[in-house]
Amino acid sequence: MTETSPMASTSRPAALHAYFGYRDAPAALSWLERVFGFDTITSFPDDAGGILHSELRRDDAAIVVFSDRDGYERPPRKGDTTGFGAYVSVADATEVDAVYARALAAGATGIWEPADTEWGNHRCRIADPEGFEWTFGTYRPGEPQGAWDEATGPVIVSRAARSRPPRASPSARGRSASPGHRPARRRAPTRSAGGRNLPGRAPRPGPAGR
């Protein structure tokens, strides 16, 4: 049996999918839809009442959910992360706050409360009821991001500035700093058969190409 929503024919194909094996995948699908706002696009049930394969979308984000039949180990969280997770970009700070509130009310664990970062992102981090780590934020990867200056703190660097090659100095381009002045070319001295330098004359090759 396959369940497909109308969104399947209108969504832009995603270039990257994250996949999650949930111990109770049917409950996870319902939770992800209700709390995080995902839509289930396709779902294939297995013979044991679980999920063989399902695909969910939230705007440009795409994930795959299936039933964990093998008891996969979950890495423990050290500090504020397990070392990996999913990041979901949202439209604005209000949406970040709303997702965080819904998640905690639905049994998730709060890791980062919604807050602004020094580089302009508003984000939160949550562990869902089965321990998977989710971060929601207003930053969209690929857009201009911050840099750090030891003296002044965070600095926003535009994408154009990051991609522009460094401008060569006048000396590196073979020109002097004075406009219109072209430096004279120096001729390498050559040697006569007697060993004296003869400026401006090309040397004749010696024996064995020397």
Foldseek 3Di string as FASTA:
>chain_A
DKDADPVVVVADDAPDEAEDAAQAQVVVVVCCCVQVVKDWGIWDADPVRWTCWTWIDDRRYIYIYGHDPPPDDQQDQDQLGSPDAEEAADADLVSQQRSVVSQVVVPKAWRAHFDADPWGKTKTWIQHNRGGIYMYINDDPPAFTWDADPVPGIDTDGPVNVPDDDDDDQVVVQHDPDPPDHDDDAFDFDQDPVGDTDPPDDDDQDPPRD
